[in-house]
């Protein structure tokens, strides 16, 4: 059913991604699908990496550490942005098209009133791409 699963990853917030990463790996095993991890970074040094190239190396290592052993080689794609927060939705939609992902698995937050004015990334991705989007909520506190 699914051949390529894209997983947006923020290397600075891996603790919040445990559940979506597990779901993506389980689905990749089940469907024998390729997993593609996507990261968005800036050319400015950060707590994760000093350069986009270093970020790409770290994301590639992350992909190989977290991908399931399902016979499919994981991939990692890094996109550079001057403002990753503002550009994230557009970059992820572009990545879906470039990668050919037919499923996106991404973490989300619990719904808030502000979502009526500023929709979450997942809803924007779902409305601007032809891929299925699986939003994984955190466990309730």
N, C-alpha and C. Protein backbone atom coordinates (compact mmCIF):
# COMPACT_ATOMS: atom_id res chain seq x y z
N UNK A 1 0.82 -1.19 0.00
CA UNK A 1 0.00 0.00 0.00
C UNK A 1 0.87 1.26 0.00
N UNK A 2 1.82 1.36 0.93
CA UNK A 2 2.73 2.50 0.97
C UNK A 2 4.11 2.04 0.55
N UNK A 3 4.77 2.85 -0.28
CA UNK A 3 6.11 2.49 -0.76
C UNK A 3 7.20 3.37 -0.16
N UNK A 4 6.86 4.65 0.06
CA UNK A 4 7.85 5.59 0.60
C UNK A 4 7.19 6.41 1.71
N UNK A 5 7.75 6.30 2.90
CA UNK A 5 7.22 7.01 4.07
C UNK A 5 8.20 8.11 4.44
N UNK A 6 7.72 9.33 4.47
CA UNK A 6 8.54 10.47 4.86
C UNK A 6 8.27 10.81 6.32
N UNK A 7 9.36 11.08 7.05
CA UNK A 7 9.25 11.44 8.46
C UNK A 7 10.02 12.74 8.70
N UNK A 8 9.33 13.86 8.95
CA UNK A 8 10.04 15.08 9.32
C UNK A 8 10.70 14.91 10.69
N UNK A 9 11.96 15.32 10.77
CA UNK A 9 12.73 15.14 12.01
C UNK A 9 13.40 16.46 12.37
N UNK A 10 13.25 16.85 13.63
CA UNK A 10 13.99 17.99 14.17
C UNK A 10 15.00 17.42 15.16
N UNK A 11 16.25 17.40 14.76
CA UNK A 11 17.29 16.79 15.60
C UNK A 11 17.44 17.48 16.95
N UNK A 12 16.95 18.70 17.07
CA UNK A 12 17.02 19.42 18.35
C UNK A 12 15.94 18.99 19.33
N UNK A 13 14.93 18.26 18.84
CA UNK A 13 13.81 17.87 19.70
C UNK A 13 13.48 16.39 19.54
N UNK A 14 14.48 15.55 19.59
CA UNK A 14 14.26 14.12 19.37
C UNK A 14 13.40 13.48 20.45
N UNK A 15 13.45 13.99 21.66
CA UNK A 15 12.65 13.42 22.74
C UNK A 15 11.16 13.45 22.44
N UNK A 16 10.72 14.47 21.74
CA UNK A 16 9.29 14.60 21.41
C UNK A 16 8.91 13.75 20.20
N UNK A 17 9.89 13.11 19.57
CA UNK A 17 9.60 12.36 18.34
C UNK A 17 9.59 10.85 18.52
N UNK A 18 9.77 10.38 19.74
CA UNK A 18 9.86 8.94 19.96
C UNK A 18 8.64 8.19 19.42
N UNK A 19 7.46 8.68 19.72
CA UNK A 19 6.24 7.99 19.31
C UNK A 19 6.06 8.01 17.77
N UNK A 20 6.17 9.18 17.10
CA UNK A 20 6.04 9.15 15.64
C UNK A 20 7.13 8.32 14.95
N UNK A 21 8.34 8.32 15.50
CA UNK A 21 9.41 7.51 14.92
C UNK A 21 9.10 6.02 15.03
N UNK A 22 8.52 5.62 16.15
CA UNK A 22 8.14 4.21 16.34
C UNK A 22 7.03 3.83 15.37
N UNK A 23 6.03 4.69 15.22
CA UNK A 23 4.92 4.43 14.30
C UNK A 23 5.45 4.31 12.87
N UNK A 24 6.32 5.23 12.46
CA UNK A 24 6.86 5.20 11.10
C UNK A 24 7.65 3.92 10.86
N UNK A 25 8.47 3.51 11.82
CA UNK A 25 9.25 2.28 11.67
C UNK A 25 8.35 1.06 11.59
N UNK A 26 7.30 1.02 12.42
CA UNK A 26 6.36 -0.10 12.38
C UNK A 26 5.65 -0.17 11.03
N UNK A 27 5.21 0.96 10.50
CA UNK A 27 4.55 0.98 9.19
C UNK A 27 5.51 0.58 8.08
N UNK A 28 6.75 1.03 8.16
CA UNK A 28 7.74 0.66 7.15
C UNK A 28 7.99 -0.85 7.16
N UNK A 29 8.04 -1.43 8.35
CA UNK A 29 8.19 -2.89 8.44
C UNK A 29 6.98 -3.59 7.82
N UNK A 30 5.81 -3.15 8.20
CA UNK A 30 4.58 -3.79 7.75
C UNK A 30 4.43 -3.74 6.23
N UNK A 31 4.70 -2.58 5.64
CA UNK A 31 4.51 -2.40 4.20
C UNK A 31 5.80 -2.61 3.40
N UNK A 32 6.91 -2.95 4.09
CA UNK A 32 8.21 -3.08 3.43
C UNK A 32 8.52 -1.82 2.63
N UNK A 33 8.25 -0.68 3.25
CA UNK A 33 8.40 0.62 2.61
C UNK A 33 9.75 1.24 2.95
N UNK A 34 10.19 2.14 2.07
CA UNK A 34 11.39 2.92 2.34
C UNK A 34 11.03 4.03 3.32
N UNK A 35 11.96 4.33 4.22
CA UNK A 35 11.77 5.46 5.13
C UNK A 35 12.71 6.57 4.70
N UNK A 36 12.17 7.77 4.63
CA UNK A 36 12.98 8.94 4.30
C UNK A 36 12.79 9.97 5.41
N UNK A 37 13.88 10.28 6.07
CA UNK A 37 13.86 11.28 7.14
C UNK A 37 14.21 12.63 6.53
N UNK A 38 13.43 13.66 6.86
CA UNK A 38 13.63 14.99 6.31
C UNK A 38 13.87 15.97 7.45
N UNK A 39 14.91 16.77 7.29
CA UNK A 39 15.23 17.80 8.27
C UNK A 39 15.34 19.16 7.60
N UNK A 40 14.99 20.20 8.32
CA UNK A 40 15.10 21.56 7.82
C UNK A 40 16.02 22.31 8.78
N UNK A 41 17.03 22.95 8.22
CA UNK A 41 18.00 23.66 9.05
C UNK A 41 18.30 25.01 8.43
N UNK A 42 19.11 25.76 9.12
CA UNK A 42 19.55 27.07 8.64
C UNK A 42 21.06 27.04 8.44
N UNK A 43 21.57 27.99 7.71
CA UNK A 43 23.02 28.03 7.50
C UNK A 43 23.75 28.59 8.73
N UNK A 44 22.99 29.13 9.67
CA UNK A 44 23.57 29.65 10.91
C UNK A 44 23.92 28.50 11.86
N UNK A 45 25.01 28.60 12.58
CA UNK A 45 25.33 27.56 13.56
C UNK A 45 24.22 27.42 14.60
N UNK A 46 23.97 26.18 15.02
CA UNK A 46 22.95 25.93 16.03
C UNK A 46 23.50 24.96 17.07
N UNK A 47 22.67 24.61 18.03
CA UNK A 47 23.10 23.66 19.05
C UNK A 47 23.26 22.26 18.48
N UNK A 48 22.68 22.00 17.32
CA UNK A 48 22.75 20.67 16.69
C UNK A 48 23.94 20.57 15.75
N UNK A 49 24.15 21.59 14.92
CA UNK A 49 25.21 21.53 13.92
C UNK A 49 25.69 22.94 13.59
N UNK A 50 26.94 23.02 13.19
CA UNK A 50 27.53 24.31 12.83
C UNK A 50 27.25 24.70 11.38
N UNK A 51 27.02 23.70 10.54
CA UNK A 51 26.77 23.95 9.12
C UNK A 51 25.67 23.02 8.61
N UNK A 52 25.05 23.36 7.48
CA UNK A 52 24.07 22.44 6.90
C UNK A 52 24.69 21.08 6.56
N UNK A 53 25.94 21.06 6.17
CA UNK A 53 26.63 19.80 5.85
C UNK A 53 26.76 18.92 7.08
N UNK A 54 27.10 19.54 8.21
CA UNK A 54 27.19 18.77 9.46
C UNK A 54 25.81 18.25 9.86
N UNK A 55 24.79 19.07 9.67
CA UNK A 55 23.41 18.65 9.97
C UNK A 55 23.05 17.45 9.11
N UNK A 56 23.41 17.50 7.83
CA UNK A 56 23.11 16.40 6.90
C UNK A 56 23.80 15.11 7.35
N UNK A 57 25.03 15.21 7.79
CA UNK A 57 25.76 14.02 8.28
C UNK A 57 25.06 13.44 9.51
N UNK A 58 24.64 14.31 10.41
CA UNK A 58 23.96 13.84 11.62
C UNK A 58 22.61 13.21 11.30
N UNK A 59 21.89 13.79 10.35
CA UNK A 59 20.59 13.23 9.98
C UNK A 59 20.76 11.88 9.29
N UNK A 60 21.78 11.77 8.47
CA UNK A 60 22.05 10.48 7.80
C UNK A 60 22.39 9.41 8.82
N UNK A 61 23.22 9.74 9.80
CA UNK A 61 23.55 8.79 10.87
C UNK A 61 22.30 8.42 11.66
N UNK A 62 21.47 9.41 11.95
CA UNK A 62 20.22 9.18 12.66
C UNK A 62 19.34 8.22 11.88
N UNK A 63 19.23 8.44 10.57
CA UNK A 63 18.39 7.59 9.73
C UNK A 63 18.83 6.13 9.81
N UNK A 64 20.12 5.90 9.76
CA UNK A 64 20.62 4.52 9.80
C UNK A 64 20.45 3.89 11.18
N UNK A 65 20.46 4.70 12.22
CA UNK A 65 20.27 4.18 13.58
C UNK A 65 18.81 3.84 13.87
N UNK A 66 17.87 4.58 13.27
CA UNK A 66 16.46 4.45 13.64
C UNK A 66 15.59 3.72 12.63
N UNK A 67 16.10 3.48 11.45
CA UNK A 67 15.27 2.79 10.44
C UNK A 67 15.15 1.32 10.80
N UNK A 68 14.01 0.74 10.49
CA UNK A 68 13.81 -0.68 10.78
C UNK A 68 14.63 -1.54 9.82
N UNK A 69 14.91 -2.75 10.23
CA UNK A 69 15.62 -3.68 9.37
C UNK A 69 14.58 -4.40 8.52
N UNK A 70 14.16 -3.74 7.44
CA UNK A 70 13.12 -4.31 6.58
C UNK A 70 13.61 -4.50 5.14
N UNK A 71 14.91 -4.46 4.96
CA UNK A 71 15.47 -4.66 3.63
C UNK A 71 15.50 -3.41 2.77
N UNK A 72 15.03 -2.29 3.29
CA UNK A 72 15.01 -1.03 2.56
C UNK A 72 16.04 -0.08 3.16
N UNK A 73 16.86 0.51 2.32
CA UNK A 73 17.86 1.48 2.77
C UNK A 73 17.18 2.80 3.13
N UNK A 74 17.37 3.30 4.35
CA UNK A 74 16.76 4.60 4.70
C UNK A 74 17.50 5.72 3.98
N UNK A 75 16.81 6.84 3.81
CA UNK A 75 17.46 8.01 3.24
C UNK A 75 17.22 9.22 4.14
N UNK A 76 18.03 10.23 3.94
CA UNK A 76 17.92 11.46 4.72
C UNK A 76 18.08 12.64 3.76
N UNK A 77 17.18 13.58 3.84
CA UNK A 77 17.22 14.77 3.00
C UNK A 77 17.17 15.99 3.90
N UNK A 78 18.09 16.93 3.66
CA UNK A 78 18.14 18.16 4.45
C UNK A 78 17.85 19.34 3.54
N UNK A 79 16.99 20.20 4.01
CA UNK A 79 16.64 21.42 3.29
C UNK A 79 17.12 22.61 4.11
N UNK A 80 17.71 23.58 3.43
CA UNK A 80 18.24 24.77 4.08
C UNK A 80 17.25 25.92 3.94
N UNK A 81 17.07 26.69 5.01
CA UNK A 81 16.14 27.80 5.01
C UNK A 81 16.68 28.93 5.88
N UNK A 82 16.39 30.15 5.48
CA UNK A 82 16.77 31.30 6.32
C UNK A 82 15.90 31.36 7.57
N UNK A 83 14.66 30.86 7.46
CA UNK A 83 13.73 30.87 8.59
C UNK A 83 12.95 29.54 8.58
N UNK A 84 13.54 28.47 9.17
CA UNK A 84 12.91 27.15 9.12
C UNK A 84 11.49 27.12 9.69
N UNK A 85 11.21 27.91 10.70
CA UNK A 85 9.87 27.89 11.30
C UNK A 85 8.84 28.44 10.30
N UNK A 86 9.15 29.53 9.66
CA UNK A 86 8.21 30.15 8.72
C UNK A 86 8.09 29.34 7.43
N UNK A 87 9.17 28.70 7.01
CA UNK A 87 9.19 27.99 5.73
C UNK A 87 8.87 26.51 5.83
N UNK A 88 8.69 25.98 7.03
CA UNK A 88 8.59 24.54 7.23
C UNK A 88 7.51 23.88 6.38
N UNK A 89 6.30 24.39 6.39
CA UNK A 89 5.21 23.75 5.64
C UNK A 89 5.52 23.67 4.15
N UNK A 90 5.96 24.78 3.57
CA UNK A 90 6.26 24.80 2.14
C UNK A 90 7.41 23.84 1.81
N UNK A 91 8.40 23.80 2.67
CA UNK A 91 9.54 22.90 2.44
C UNK A 91 9.09 21.45 2.52
N UNK A 92 8.25 21.12 3.49
CA UNK A 92 7.80 19.73 3.62
C UNK A 92 6.94 19.30 2.43
N UNK A 93 6.09 20.19 1.94
CA UNK A 93 5.29 19.88 0.75
C UNK A 93 6.21 19.64 -0.44
N UNK A 94 7.23 20.49 -0.59
CA UNK A 94 8.21 20.32 -1.67
C UNK A 94 8.94 18.99 -1.51
N UNK A 95 9.31 18.64 -0.29
CA UNK A 95 10.03 17.38 -0.04
C UNK A 95 9.17 16.18 -0.40
N UNK A 96 7.88 16.23 -0.07
CA UNK A 96 6.97 15.13 -0.40
C UNK A 96 6.99 14.87 -1.90
N UNK A 97 6.91 15.94 -2.67
CA UNK A 97 6.91 15.82 -4.13
C UNK A 97 8.25 15.28 -4.63
N UNK A 98 9.36 15.85 -4.14
CA UNK A 98 10.69 15.44 -4.61
C UNK A 98 11.01 13.99 -4.25
N UNK A 99 10.61 13.58 -3.08
CA UNK A 99 10.90 12.23 -2.60
C UNK A 99 9.93 11.21 -3.19
N UNK A 100 8.74 11.67 -3.51
CA UNK A 100 7.70 10.76 -3.98
C UNK A 100 7.05 10.00 -2.84
N UNK A 101 6.98 10.65 -1.69
CA UNK A 101 6.38 10.00 -0.52
C UNK A 101 4.88 9.84 -0.70
N UNK A 102 4.38 8.66 -0.37
CA UNK A 102 2.94 8.46 -0.43
C UNK A 102 2.32 8.45 0.96
N UNK A 103 3.17 8.54 1.99
CA UNK A 103 2.71 8.67 3.37
C UNK A 103 3.69 9.54 4.14
N UNK A 104 3.16 10.44 4.93
CA UNK A 104 3.97 11.27 5.83
C UNK A 104 3.54 10.93 7.25
N UNK A 105 4.50 10.58 8.10
CA UNK A 105 4.22 10.32 9.51
C UNK A 105 4.91 11.42 10.29
N UNK A 106 4.13 12.18 11.02
CA UNK A 106 4.72 13.29 11.77
C UNK A 106 4.04 13.48 13.11
N UNK A 107 4.82 13.96 14.06
CA UNK A 107 4.28 14.26 15.37
C UNK A 107 3.47 15.54 15.33
N UNK A 108 2.54 15.65 16.26
CA UNK A 108 1.73 16.85 16.39
C UNK A 108 1.47 17.12 17.86
N UNK A 109 0.88 18.24 18.14
CA UNK A 109 0.55 18.61 19.52
C UNK A 109 -0.94 18.35 19.75
N UNK A 110 -1.32 18.39 20.99
CA UNK A 110 -2.74 18.29 21.31
C UNK A 110 -3.44 19.55 20.82
N UNK A 111 -4.67 19.45 20.32
CA UNK A 111 -5.36 20.63 19.77
C UNK A 111 -5.51 21.75 20.80
N UNK A 112 -5.40 22.97 20.30
CA UNK A 112 -5.56 24.16 21.14
C UNK A 112 -6.48 25.13 20.40
N UNK A 113 -6.99 26.12 21.11
CA UNK A 113 -7.88 27.10 20.49
C UNK A 113 -7.19 27.88 19.38
N UNK A 114 -5.89 28.12 19.52
CA UNK A 114 -5.14 28.88 18.53
C UNK A 114 -5.12 28.17 17.17
N UNK A 115 -5.35 26.85 17.15
CA UNK A 115 -5.33 26.10 15.89
C UNK A 115 -6.40 26.57 14.91
N UNK A 116 -7.46 27.18 15.40
CA UNK A 116 -8.50 27.69 14.51
C UNK A 116 -7.98 28.85 13.68
N UNK A 117 -7.03 29.59 14.22
CA UNK A 117 -6.45 30.74 13.52
C UNK A 117 -5.18 30.34 12.77
N UNK A 118 -4.33 29.59 13.44
CA UNK A 118 -3.06 29.14 12.86
C UNK A 118 -3.02 27.62 12.90
N UNK A 119 -3.43 26.97 11.81
CA UNK A 119 -3.46 25.50 11.80
C UNK A 119 -2.08 24.90 12.03
N UNK A 120 -2.07 23.71 12.58
CA UNK A 120 -0.82 22.99 12.83
C UNK A 120 -0.19 22.58 11.51
N UNK A 121 1.11 22.28 11.55
CA UNK A 121 1.84 21.89 10.36
C UNK A 121 1.18 20.72 9.64
N UNK A 122 0.75 19.71 10.39
CA UNK A 122 0.17 18.52 9.78
C UNK A 122 -1.05 18.81 8.93
N UNK A 123 -1.93 19.69 9.42
CA UNK A 123 -3.13 19.99 8.64
C UNK A 123 -2.79 20.76 7.37
N UNK A 124 -1.77 21.61 7.43
CA UNK A 124 -1.34 22.33 6.23
C UNK A 124 -0.72 21.36 5.23
N UNK A 125 0.07 20.43 5.71
CA UNK A 125 0.70 19.45 4.83
C UNK A 125 -0.38 18.61 4.15
N UNK A 126 -1.35 18.16 4.92
CA UNK A 126 -2.42 17.32 4.37
C UNK A 126 -3.24 18.06 3.32
N UNK A 127 -3.47 19.34 3.52
CA UNK A 127 -4.30 20.08 2.57
C UNK A 127 -3.54 20.56 1.33
N UNK A 128 -2.21 20.50 1.37
CA UNK A 128 -1.42 20.98 0.23
C UNK A 128 -0.62 19.89 -0.47
N UNK A 129 -0.87 18.64 -0.15
CA UNK A 129 -0.18 17.54 -0.84
C UNK A 129 -1.19 16.44 -1.14
N UNK A 130 -0.81 15.55 -2.01
CA UNK A 130 -1.68 14.44 -2.36
C UNK A 130 -1.38 13.19 -1.53
N UNK A 131 -0.39 13.27 -0.68
CA UNK A 131 0.00 12.13 0.15
C UNK A 131 -0.90 12.01 1.37
N UNK A 132 -0.97 10.80 1.89
CA UNK A 132 -1.66 10.59 3.17
C UNK A 132 -0.76 11.14 4.27
N UNK A 133 -1.38 11.69 5.30
CA UNK A 133 -0.63 12.24 6.43
C UNK A 133 -1.15 11.59 7.71
N UNK A 134 -0.24 10.97 8.43
CA UNK A 134 -0.56 10.29 9.69
C UNK A 134 0.01 11.16 10.80
N UNK A 135 -0.87 11.82 11.57
CA UNK A 135 -0.44 12.67 12.67
C UNK A 135 -0.43 11.84 13.95
N UNK A 136 0.68 11.88 14.64
CA UNK A 136 0.84 11.10 15.86
C UNK A 136 0.89 12.07 17.03
N UNK A 137 -0.13 12.00 17.87
CA UNK A 137 -0.19 12.89 19.03
C UNK A 137 0.65 12.34 20.17
N UNK A 138 1.14 13.26 21.00
CA UNK A 138 1.87 12.79 22.20
C UNK A 138 0.89 12.17 23.18
N UNK A 139 1.43 11.40 24.10
CA UNK A 139 0.57 10.84 25.15
C UNK A 139 0.05 11.98 25.99
N UNK A 140 -1.20 11.88 26.42
CA UNK A 140 -1.80 12.93 27.27
C UNK A 140 -1.07 12.98 28.61
N UNK A 141 -0.91 14.17 29.11
CA UNK A 141 -0.20 14.34 30.38
C UNK A 141 -1.03 13.98 31.56
